[in-house]
Structure formats: C-alpha cells, structure tokens
Amino acid sequence: MKSYLLLLFSIIFTLTCSSCDDDDDNEDKNITPHGIVILNPQILIDNESNCEIIFRVNPSNYEVSPGSIALDCVQSNTIGRGVSVTPPENFELVSVQALVDEEEKIHEGEWVATVKVKDGLPFAELTRIFLVLNYNIEKNQVVSITSSNYAEITTIPAISEKMVSFSNPTVQSYKSPVNGEVLSSRIHVTPNPLNETTNINYDLSLIQNMEVVLKGEFADYFQVSKMQDDYGLAFDITPILSNFDAYFNEHTDINSIPTTAEVTLTDIFGNTLVHNVDVSFFRNIQIIPVTEGLTYNRADFEGPDLVPEVIVDMSEYLPKIGITQEFLAEHPNRAFSIVCTGYMPDGQEGNYGFGFAGHSITDDETYMKTGKFQATLDVLFDPEHSLSGSYYAVIRFFIVDPITRDTIICADIRQEIKLVD
C-alpha cells in the first residue's frame, strides 16, 4: 500500500511540474510589446553603404523576430505619405539582430535593423522612417506598434567620377617669353550636378582630403601646391625653372616635359576617388632659321614703296609650343589671341629703325580644319638707321581659360630675317 501511494504521489508531482513549465513557455511567447524607441535618430550615409537603425523594445525581454519589423516612410524626396505603412522607395530592410557590443555582450532589449540603400540612388535624399513592429495577440490576429520617433536618414552620393570634374589643360607653356616668369598649370576640381534631372551640384565640402602625387621620370622637375579658389578645389603644378632650362638647353630636339599627377580625393565617409591628370609643359620659344629668301640688302628698302612681304609658315612649329589641332578641339571655349612684334638679338639695343606689321594671319578655326598656319608680314626697315644683322619677326600666341583666366599658352614663334649691307 505504501509503495502504491508513493508511486501515485510521484506521478502527480511530475505532472504538476510539467504543467508549470508549459505555463512559463506560454507566458514568454505571449509577452506584449509596449513601445519602440529609435536610439540613433540622425543618420548620415553615402549612397553605396548600409546603415544601422538601433532601437529599444519595451519590455526588454520581448524577442523581436526579423520578419516582424517593417519600415514606414513618412517623408522623402520621391514619395509622399500613404494612409497606411508606406515602404521607402530607395531603402530596404536587410536584417534585424540583437545589439552586440565590441565585447560580444548582448544588450538586452536593444536591437539593430540594418537598412540597405537600393542600387542606383544617384542623388542626395532626406528620408524619415518609423519602425513598425507587428505581433500576434491571438491566433491569426496581427497588431502593429509604431516607434515613438523616426530615424532621419540623409543619403549623400559617394565621391565618384560622376560627382566631380577635373578641368585642366593637357598642355602648358613652362614660362613666359615676355619676362621669363614661370607659368603654372592650375587643375580645378569642380562639382557636377547630382544627377541628370537636377541643377543641384555635389557639395565639395564633403571632400575631406585631396592628395596629389606626381608620377613619372620628371616628377622632381615640379612643385605642387594645393588651394581652394572661387571655382572649387585646385592645385598648381609649377615647373622648377633651373631644371627645365638645363634640360631644354641640353636636349635641343625635345620640346616638352610631361608629368602625371595622381589625385586622390577622400570624402567624409572614407570613400576615395583616384584620378590621373596628364600635363606636358612646352618650350616657350621656337625659332625658324633664316633662309636665303629672307636675307635682305639695305638697298632693297631704298624707296617709299619697297616694303617686302614675309610669309611665315608655322604649321610644323605650332605643335612644338603645344598648339595642335587636337588641343584646340579639346578647348572649344578658349580665348585665343596673336600679337605680331619684332626684336633684335641682345647687344643691339638702341636700334629702333625696324619693325613688322601683320598683313594677314590664319585663324585658329582654319588651322583646326587644315593643319596649316601662316602669317604674312610686312617688313619695315629704315635703311638709314637699321643696323645690319639678324632680326626676328615674333608671332606671340596667347591662350587662356575663358572662365578662370589662367594662362595656358604664352609662347613665341620667331622668324629670323637678316639685313646685310
């Protein structure tokens, strides 16, 4: 009898404990969420990254399942507010996980919703998103609770070739033929519109750093200085005159010295854009040697109507100062001007009885089409005062950027002409 009672008591005790466990499980499964709070309401990201919305659910022991969270967009650049939950057009929910710190400790009641920027978002956007938690109160009956605040997500395009332009000449005179002043090539980084349908430009203040490294054999022939001017970020590539003069004096058959500037732009998100800028620095003077037809006797000018014409063909010399048909085509808005003058070599100062007058000069558009460039000059000598020797008819070319007024080309082509007794 005792054995029977002991067995019966044991069975009743086991059933009672099992019933208690089931009740606990049911209580856990039926915890009702009371509220959601977004803990990082201000979020700034680029359009190629994911963002994390950190939120807390009360009570803290409520288990959030990934499928129970939805995004509700209340404001964006592209869609309006709907009467029900409105999914954002340019974002999608990737995952929902418990918040774990760097020490791999789980923060009870705190969760992370990872949100992805959809591909192809080409513009800056401000989007306000509430989190919506769906849960069951009875079988097949779903109730929603919305976060008490929203996450304001500002999306900015990452730095890329689409966001900025590098405005620079591919050629540059290395110094002025007028006063010997060194000429720098200024490269501008200017903002582009955020997309094809807006006139809002990329914000250059998002570029945190600009690094410029010169590459190539002649990298140490230049200096680089960075700046910001009225047209955007900029840097100058400046020739070191002593290096250039020595090199050109030694290599008389070489007309330019090239360099490549590797420009690295880093935005505030850590994205980088690497762009190479190629510039060749050209000689500033080309001399066309005298020919027999350009050697004049003093007697050739003894008479009021004796004004010889000189035809200077510069077609093969223009590329030697950097002016090619391709260069002119690349700079359609250039400011192009030509000045004709004359001079004598050093040691013959004080002789003013000579000069040259431009009769006709090929224009740059014709040169672009034909590759031919000529100047017809009137030779003006005073037979009583002009000294015998070499004279130079100077055709000086100026090309400047029409917006920044930066000098690109300032160079001479000089035709030698001789006066003999």
Protein backbone atom coordinates (compact mmCIF):
# COMPACT_ATOMS: atom_id res chain seq x y z
CA MET A 1 0.00 0.00 0.00
CA LYS A 2 2.81 2.38 0.86
CA SER A 3 4.51 1.60 -2.44
CA TYR A 4 1.31 2.35 -4.34
CA LEU A 5 0.79 5.71 -2.58
CA LEU A 6 4.42 6.69 -3.18
CA LEU A 7 4.12 5.92 -6.90
CA LEU A 8 0.85 7.87 -7.17
CA PHE A 9 2.39 10.91 -5.43
CA SER A 10 5.38 10.79 -7.75
CA ILE A 11 3.18 10.80 -10.86
CA ILE A 12 1.07 13.73 -9.60
CA PHE A 13 4.21 15.77 -8.75
CA THR A 14 5.71 15.16 -12.20
CA LEU A 15 2.54 16.22 -14.00
CA THR A 16 2.25 19.34 -11.86
CA CYS A 17 5.83 20.46 -12.64
CA SER A 18 5.35 19.79 -16.36
CA SER A 19 2.26 21.98 -16.34
CA CYS A 20 4.25 24.80 -14.69
CA ASP A 21 6.93 24.68 -17.45
CA ASP A 22 4.30 24.91 -20.19
CA ASP A 23 2.75 27.93 -18.49
CA ASP A 24 6.15 29.66 -18.36
CA ASP A 25 6.71 28.98 -22.06
CA ASN A 26 3.31 30.35 -22.94
CA GLU A 27 3.97 33.46 -20.89
CA ASP A 28 7.25 34.02 -22.74
CA LYS A 29 5.55 33.62 -26.09
CA ASN A 30 2.75 36.00 -25.19
CA ILE A 31 4.79 38.93 -23.93
CA THR A 32 3.20 42.09 -25.33
CA PRO A 33 5.49 44.91 -26.56
CA HIS A 34 4.63 48.28 -25.06
CA GLY A 35 6.84 50.61 -27.10
CA ILE A 36 9.71 51.12 -29.54
CA VAL A 37 12.27 53.93 -29.35
CA ILE A 38 14.91 54.66 -32.02
CA LEU A 39 18.20 55.40 -30.28
CA ASN A 40 20.12 56.97 -33.22
CA PRO A 41 17.57 59.22 -34.93
CA GLN A 42 20.13 61.17 -37.03
CA ILE A 43 21.91 59.05 -39.65
CA LEU A 44 24.26 60.26 -42.40
CA ILE A 45 25.41 57.74 -45.01
CA ASP A 46 26.59 57.62 -48.60
CA ASN A 47 24.55 56.03 -51.35
CA GLU A 48 26.75 52.93 -51.54
CA SER A 49 26.54 51.85 -47.90
CA ASN A 50 24.19 50.22 -45.42
CA CYS A 51 23.04 51.99 -42.29
CA GLU A 52 22.01 50.67 -38.89
CA ILE A 53 18.93 51.83 -37.01
CA ILE A 54 19.40 50.99 -33.33
CA PHE A 55 16.17 50.66 -31.36
CA ARG A 56 14.90 49.54 -27.95
CA VAL A 57 11.77 47.48 -27.34
CA ASN A 58 9.90 47.54 -24.04
CA PRO A 59 9.71 45.26 -22.21
CA SER A 60 13.34 44.30 -22.68
CA ASN A 61 12.66 40.55 -22.69
CA TYR A 62 10.49 40.74 -25.79
CA GLU A 63 12.09 38.75 -28.60
CA VAL A 64 11.99 40.52 -31.97
CA SER A 65 11.88 38.28 -35.00
CA PRO A 66 13.30 39.61 -38.31
CA GLY A 67 10.02 39.30 -40.14
CA SER A 68 8.13 41.32 -37.56
CA ILE A 69 9.81 44.67 -38.33
CA ALA A 70 8.73 46.94 -41.21
CA LEU A 71 9.89 50.35 -42.44
CA ASP A 72 7.31 53.14 -42.66
CA CYS A 73 8.41 56.15 -44.71
CA VAL A 74 6.79 59.42 -43.68
CA GLN A 75 8.93 61.78 -45.78
CA SER A 76 11.30 61.53 -48.73
CA ASN A 77 12.23 63.33 -51.92
CA THR A 78 10.49 60.77 -54.10
CA ILE A 79 7.30 59.56 -52.42
CA GLY A 80 4.51 61.02 -50.33
CA ARG A 81 2.98 59.77 -47.13
CA GLY A 82 0.43 56.98 -47.54
CA VAL A 83 -2.59 56.25 -45.36
CA SER A 84 -1.01 53.01 -44.15
CA VAL A 85 2.51 51.72 -43.74
CA THR A 86 4.49 53.11 -46.69
CA PRO A 87 7.72 51.29 -47.53
CA PRO A 88 10.52 53.66 -48.59
CA GLU A 89 11.28 53.60 -52.28
CA ASN A 90 15.07 53.72 -52.01
CA PHE A 91 15.72 51.64 -48.89
CA GLU A 92 15.10 48.06 -47.91
CA LEU A 93 15.39 46.18 -44.64
CA VAL A 94 18.20 43.62 -44.73
CA SER A 95 18.23 42.13 -41.23
CA VAL A 96 17.22 42.57 -37.58
CA GLN A 97 19.56 41.33 -34.88
CA ALA A 98 20.16 41.78 -31.19
CA LEU A 99 22.63 44.57 -30.41
CA VAL A 100 26.04 43.17 -29.53
CA ASP A 101 28.87 45.42 -28.35
CA GLU A 102 32.58 45.13 -29.08
CA GLU A 103 33.00 42.73 -26.17
CA GLU A 104 30.31 40.49 -27.71
CA LYS A 105 27.92 41.33 -24.90
CA ILE A 106 24.23 41.34 -25.84
CA HIS A 107 22.31 44.47 -24.84
CA GLU A 108 19.02 43.17 -23.57
CA GLY A 109 16.05 44.83 -25.21
CA GLU A 110 18.17 46.63 -27.83
CA TRP A 111 18.17 45.66 -31.49
CA VAL A 112 19.78 46.65 -34.78
CA ALA A 113 17.85 46.97 -38.04
CA THR A 114 20.26 47.01 -41.00
CA VAL A 115 18.91 49.07 -43.88
CA LYS A 116 20.36 48.97 -47.39
CA VAL A 117 20.37 51.80 -49.90
CA LYS A 118 18.96 50.37 -53.10
CA ASP A 119 21.17 50.37 -56.17
CA GLY A 120 21.01 53.37 -58.44
CA LEU A 121 20.22 56.12 -55.93
CA PRO A 122 22.03 58.92 -57.77
CA PHE A 123 21.12 61.88 -55.61
CA ALA A 124 21.09 63.26 -52.10
CA GLU A 125 17.95 62.38 -50.18
CA LEU A 126 16.49 63.01 -46.75
CA THR A 127 14.17 60.22 -45.63
CA ARG A 128 12.26 59.91 -42.36
CA ILE A 129 11.45 56.35 -41.38
CA PHE A 130 9.44 54.95 -38.48
CA LEU A 131 9.88 51.36 -37.36
CA VAL A 132 6.74 49.24 -37.19
CA LEU A 133 6.63 46.08 -35.04
CA ASN A 134 3.97 43.51 -35.91
CA TYR A 135 2.95 40.90 -33.30
CA ASN A 136 0.15 38.41 -32.66
CA ILE A 137 -2.33 38.88 -29.83
CA GLU A 138 -4.48 35.95 -30.82
CA LYS A 139 -4.31 33.29 -33.43
CA ASN A 140 -4.07 34.94 -36.89
CA GLN A 141 -4.71 38.40 -35.42
CA VAL A 142 -1.80 40.81 -36.05
CA VAL A 143 -1.40 44.11 -34.24
CA SER A 144 1.16 46.80 -35.15
CA ILE A 145 3.01 49.19 -32.90
CA THR A 146 4.96 52.16 -34.31
CA SER A 147 8.13 53.64 -32.86
CA SER A 148 7.65 56.83 -30.89
CA ASN A 149 10.21 58.67 -33.06
CA TYR A 150 11.64 58.38 -36.55
CA ALA A 151 15.11 57.93 -38.00
CA GLU A 152 16.09 60.82 -40.25
CA ILE A 153 18.42 59.30 -42.85
CA THR A 154 20.39 61.72 -45.01
CA THR A 155 21.86 59.98 -48.03
CA ILE A 156 24.67 61.68 -49.93
CA PRO A 157 26.32 60.34 -53.08
CA ALA A 158 29.76 58.86 -52.56
CA ILE A 159 32.64 60.61 -54.30
CA SER A 160 32.94 59.33 -57.86
CA GLU A 161 33.82 60.44 -61.38
CA LYS A 162 30.17 61.44 -61.83
CA MET A 163 30.26 63.87 -58.92
CA VAL A 164 33.29 65.98 -59.92
CA SER A 165 35.20 67.11 -62.98
CA PHE A 166 38.89 67.81 -63.37
CA SER A 167 39.27 70.88 -65.56
CA ASN A 168 42.83 71.17 -66.72
CA PRO A 169 44.78 71.84 -69.90
CA THR A 170 46.74 68.94 -71.27
CA VAL A 171 49.50 71.33 -72.32
CA GLN A 172 51.14 74.32 -70.67
CA SER A 173 53.89 76.80 -71.54
CA TYR A 174 56.56 76.47 -68.89
CA LYS A 175 57.48 80.16 -68.74
CA SER A 176 56.59 83.46 -70.36
CA PRO A 177 58.68 84.60 -73.34
CA VAL A 178 57.98 88.19 -72.34
CA ASN A 179 59.55 88.34 -68.88
CA GLY A 180 60.72 84.79 -68.16
CA GLU A 181 58.14 84.34 -65.40
CA VAL A 182 57.34 80.73 -64.56
CA LEU A 183 53.86 79.57 -65.56
CA SER A 184 51.91 77.04 -63.50
CA SER A 185 49.25 74.66 -64.70
CA ARG A 186 46.25 75.01 -62.41
CA ILE A 187 43.97 72.00 -62.16
CA HIS A 188 40.47 72.59 -60.79
CA VAL A 189 38.21 70.04 -59.14
CA THR A 190 34.71 71.33 -59.82
CA PRO A 191 31.34 69.89 -58.73
CA ASN A 192 28.91 68.23 -61.13
CA PRO A 193 25.11 68.05 -60.79
CA LEU A 194 23.98 65.19 -58.56
CA ASN A 195 22.04 63.68 -61.44
CA GLU A 196 20.75 64.45 -64.91
CA THR A 197 17.47 65.95 -63.72
CA THR A 198 18.71 68.44 -61.12
CA ASN A 199 20.75 71.62 -61.04
CA ILE A 200 21.96 70.88 -57.51
CA ASN A 201 25.70 70.26 -57.51
CA TYR A 202 27.77 67.90 -55.42
CA ASP A 203 28.98 69.59 -52.23
CA LEU A 204 32.77 69.90 -52.35
CA SER A 205 32.86 70.34 -48.56
CA LEU A 206 32.19 66.58 -48.38
CA ILE A 207 35.73 66.04 -49.67
CA GLN A 208 37.80 65.66 -46.54
CA ASN A 209 41.21 65.38 -48.16
CA MET A 210 42.92 65.88 -51.51
CA GLU A 211 46.30 64.28 -52.06
CA VAL A 212 48.40 64.98 -55.16
CA VAL A 213 51.41 62.85 -56.06
CA LEU A 214 53.45 63.46 -59.20
CA LYS A 215 54.47 60.41 -61.19
CA GLY A 216 56.90 59.73 -63.98
CA GLU A 217 60.52 60.34 -64.89
CA PHE A 218 60.33 64.10 -64.39
CA ALA A 219 58.35 64.20 -61.14
CA ASP A 220 61.15 66.08 -59.36
CA TYR A 221 61.09 68.82 -62.01
CA PHE A 222 57.91 70.24 -60.47
CA GLN A 223 56.39 71.54 -57.28
CA VAL A 224 52.76 71.06 -56.22
CA SER A 225 50.67 73.45 -54.14
CA LYS A 226 47.05 72.87 -53.11
CA MET A 227 44.42 75.54 -52.61
CA GLN A 228 40.74 76.40 -52.83
CA ASP A 229 39.68 79.26 -55.07
CA ASP A 230 36.42 80.69 -56.39
CA TYR A 231 35.99 77.76 -58.77
CA GLY A 232 36.48 74.88 -56.35
CA LEU A 233 39.36 72.81 -55.09
CA ALA A 234 42.55 73.37 -57.05
CA PHE A 235 46.24 72.64 -57.19
CA ASP A 236 49.12 74.12 -59.16
CA ILE A 237 51.84 72.15 -60.91
CA THR A 238 54.77 74.56 -61.15
CA PRO A 239 57.97 73.88 -63.11
CA ILE A 240 61.32 74.33 -61.37
CA LEU A 241 62.95 76.73 -63.83
CA SER A 242 66.53 75.67 -63.21
CA ASN A 243 65.67 72.06 -64.04
CA PHE A 244 63.70 72.99 -67.15
CA ASP A 245 66.24 75.45 -68.53
CA ALA A 246 69.10 73.00 -68.07
CA TYR A 247 67.17 70.14 -69.67
CA PHE A 248 66.00 72.13 -72.69
CA ASN A 249 69.49 73.56 -73.23
CA GLU A 250 70.94 70.07 -73.25
CA HIS A 251 68.19 68.41 -75.29
CA THR A 252 67.58 70.83 -78.14
CA ASP A 253 65.46 68.32 -80.05
CA ILE A 254 62.94 67.83 -77.21
CA ASN A 255 60.12 70.34 -76.91
CA SER A 256 58.15 69.26 -73.85
CA ILE A 257 58.46 67.67 -70.42
CA PRO A 258 55.46 65.58 -69.29
CA THR A 259 54.20 64.67 -65.85
CA THR A 260 51.24 62.81 -64.37
CA ALA A 261 49.50 63.98 -61.22
CA GLU A 262 47.76 61.20 -59.32
CA VAL A 263 44.92 62.89 -57.45
CA THR A 264 43.21 61.06 -54.58
CA LEU A 265 40.01 62.57 -53.19
CA THR A 266 38.64 61.16 -49.92
CA ASP A 267 35.14 62.03 -48.76
CA ILE A 268 33.84 62.18 -45.18
CA PHE A 269 32.72 58.54 -45.39
CA GLY A 270 36.19 57.31 -46.33
CA ASN A 271 35.34 56.66 -49.99
CA THR A 272 38.15 57.52 -52.38
CA LEU A 273 38.39 58.58 -55.99
CA VAL A 274 41.73 58.29 -57.78
CA HIS A 275 42.13 60.31 -60.96
CA ASN A 276 45.21 60.85 -63.12
CA VAL A 277 45.90 64.23 -64.71
CA ASP A 278 48.44 64.36 -67.55
CA VAL A 279 50.11 67.66 -68.42
CA SER A 280 53.01 68.37 -70.77
CA PHE A 281 54.99 71.59 -70.31
CA PHE A 282 56.27 73.03 -73.60
CA ARG A 283 59.05 75.31 -74.68
CA ASN A 284 58.03 78.94 -74.87
CA ILE A 285 60.09 79.92 -77.93
CA GLN A 286 60.58 78.31 -81.33
CA ILE A 287 62.91 79.97 -83.85
CA ILE A 288 62.54 79.45 -87.59
CA PRO A 289 66.02 79.86 -89.10
CA VAL A 290 66.65 82.43 -91.80
CA THR A 291 66.55 81.32 -95.42
CA GLU A 292 68.11 82.88 -98.49
CA GLY A 293 64.82 84.47 -99.43
CA LEU A 294 64.66 86.26 -96.07
CA THR A 295 68.09 87.88 -96.32
CA TYR A 296 67.71 91.49 -97.44
CA ASN A 297 70.18 94.04 -98.71
CA ARG A 298 69.93 97.57 -97.41
CA ALA A 299 69.28 98.75 -100.95
CA ASP A 300 66.08 96.69 -101.01
CA PHE A 301 64.47 99.32 -98.77
CA GLU A 302 65.62 102.48 -100.53
CA GLY A 303 62.28 103.71 -101.79
CA PRO A 304 58.86 104.53 -100.35
CA ASP A 305 57.10 101.59 -102.00
CA LEU A 306 59.66 98.94 -101.18
CA VAL A 307 58.02 97.06 -98.30
CA PRO A 308 58.78 93.36 -98.71
CA GLU A 309 56.29 90.77 -97.53
CA VAL A 310 57.37 87.79 -95.46
CA ILE A 311 55.28 84.64 -95.39
CA VAL A 312 55.96 82.73 -92.19
CA ASP A 313 54.71 79.14 -92.33
CA MET A 314 54.32 77.97 -88.74
CA SER A 315 52.44 74.73 -89.41
CA GLU A 316 55.24 72.47 -88.20
CA TYR A 317 56.20 74.76 -85.32
CA LEU A 318 52.84 75.20 -83.58
CA PRO A 319 52.86 71.63 -82.18
CA LYS A 320 56.32 72.37 -80.75
CA ILE A 321 54.78 75.01 -78.46
CA GLY A 322 51.84 72.77 -77.60
CA ILE A 323 49.23 74.06 -80.06
CA THR A 324 47.83 71.13 -82.01
CA GLN A 325 44.54 70.60 -83.77
CA GLU A 326 43.58 68.13 -81.04
CA PHE A 327 44.39 70.62 -78.28
CA LEU A 328 42.21 73.32 -79.84
CA ALA A 329 39.38 70.82 -80.26
CA GLU A 330 39.63 69.89 -76.56
CA HIS A 331 39.33 73.57 -75.56
CA PRO A 332 36.47 74.92 -77.70
CA ASN A 333 35.84 77.90 -75.41
CA ARG A 334 39.45 79.04 -75.36
CA ALA A 335 40.45 82.68 -75.60
CA PHE A 336 42.93 82.70 -78.50
CA SER A 337 44.93 85.78 -79.48
CA ILE A 338 48.04 86.59 -81.52
CA VAL A 339 50.42 89.54 -81.34
CA CYS A 340 52.99 90.42 -84.00
CA THR A 341 56.12 92.27 -83.00
CA GLY A 342 59.85 92.24 -83.67
CA TYR A 343 63.18 92.48 -81.93
CA MET A 344 66.91 92.23 -82.41
CA PRO A 345 69.24 89.91 -80.51
CA ASP A 346 70.92 91.09 -77.33
CA GLY A 347 73.78 93.52 -77.88
CA GLN A 348 71.98 95.62 -80.47
CA GLU A 349 69.79 97.71 -78.18
CA GLY A 350 69.01 101.23 -79.23
CA ASN A 351 68.28 100.28 -82.81
CA TYR A 352 64.65 101.21 -83.48
CA GLY A 353 64.68 101.50 -87.24
CA PHE A 354 62.89 98.24 -87.92
CA GLY A 355 59.56 96.54 -87.42
CA PHE A 356 56.97 94.11 -88.74
CA ALA A 357 53.31 94.63 -89.46
CA GLY A 358 50.80 91.81 -89.62
CA HIS A 359 49.25 91.67 -93.07
CA SER A 360 47.18 88.51 -92.70
CA ILE A 361 47.22 85.62 -90.24
CA THR A 362 45.49 82.27 -90.38
CA ASP A 363 42.77 81.97 -87.74
CA ASP A 364 42.61 79.09 -85.28
CA GLU A 365 39.46 77.58 -86.80
CA THR A 366 41.18 77.23 -90.18
CA TYR A 367 44.19 75.64 -88.51
CA MET A 368 41.91 73.14 -86.77
CA LYS A 369 40.45 72.10 -90.13
CA THR A 370 43.54 72.16 -92.34
CA GLY A 371 46.57 71.89 -90.06
CA LYS A 372 48.08 74.89 -91.87
CA PHE A 373 49.03 78.13 -90.18
CA GLN A 374 50.68 81.09 -91.90
CA ALA A 375 51.31 84.74 -91.23
CA THR A 376 52.03 87.32 -93.91
CA LEU A 377 54.07 90.20 -92.51
CA ASP A 378 55.27 93.49 -93.95
CA VAL A 379 58.97 94.01 -93.25
CA LEU A 380 59.69 97.57 -92.16
CA PHE A 381 63.36 98.63 -92.15
CA ASP A 382 64.80 102.11 -92.02
CA PRO A 383 67.83 101.89 -94.34
CA GLU A 384 69.46 104.89 -92.65
CA HIS A 385 69.19 103.70 -89.05
CA SER A 386 68.75 99.93 -89.06
CA LEU A 387 71.88 98.03 -88.16
CA SER A 388 72.98 95.04 -90.15
CA GLY A 389 72.33 91.67 -88.55
CA SER A 390 69.58 89.27 -87.58
CA TYR A 391 66.08 90.41 -86.79
CA TYR A 392 63.15 88.33 -85.60
CA ALA A 393 59.54 88.64 -86.60
CA VAL A 394 57.70 87.48 -83.49
CA ILE A 395 54.28 85.88 -83.62
CA ARG A 396 53.19 85.54 -79.99
CA PHE A 397 50.37 83.18 -79.06
CA PHE A 398 48.15 83.60 -76.01
CA ILE A 399 45.60 81.02 -74.95
CA VAL A 400 43.82 81.49 -71.62
CA ASP A 401 40.99 79.74 -69.85
CA PRO A 402 37.88 81.83 -70.60
CA ILE A 403 36.47 81.38 -67.08
CA THR A 404 39.41 81.38 -64.69
CA ARG A 405 41.68 83.47 -66.97
CA ASP A 406 44.54 81.10 -66.20
CA THR A 407 47.29 81.27 -68.81
CA ILE A 408 47.65 78.04 -70.76
CA ILE A 409 49.84 79.06 -73.69
CA CYS A 410 52.14 82.05 -73.82
CA ALA A 411 54.74 81.30 -76.46
CA ASP A 412 56.56 82.76 -79.44
CA ILE A 413 57.33 81.56 -82.92
CA ARG A 414 60.14 83.76 -84.20
CA GLN A 415 61.13 84.00 -87.84
CA GLU A 416 64.74 85.08 -88.33
CA ILE A 417 65.32 87.74 -91.00
CA LYS A 418 68.71 89.21 -91.94
CA LEU A 419 69.70 92.65 -93.11
CA VAL A 420 73.09 92.91 -94.81
CA ASP A 421 74.98 95.82 -96.31
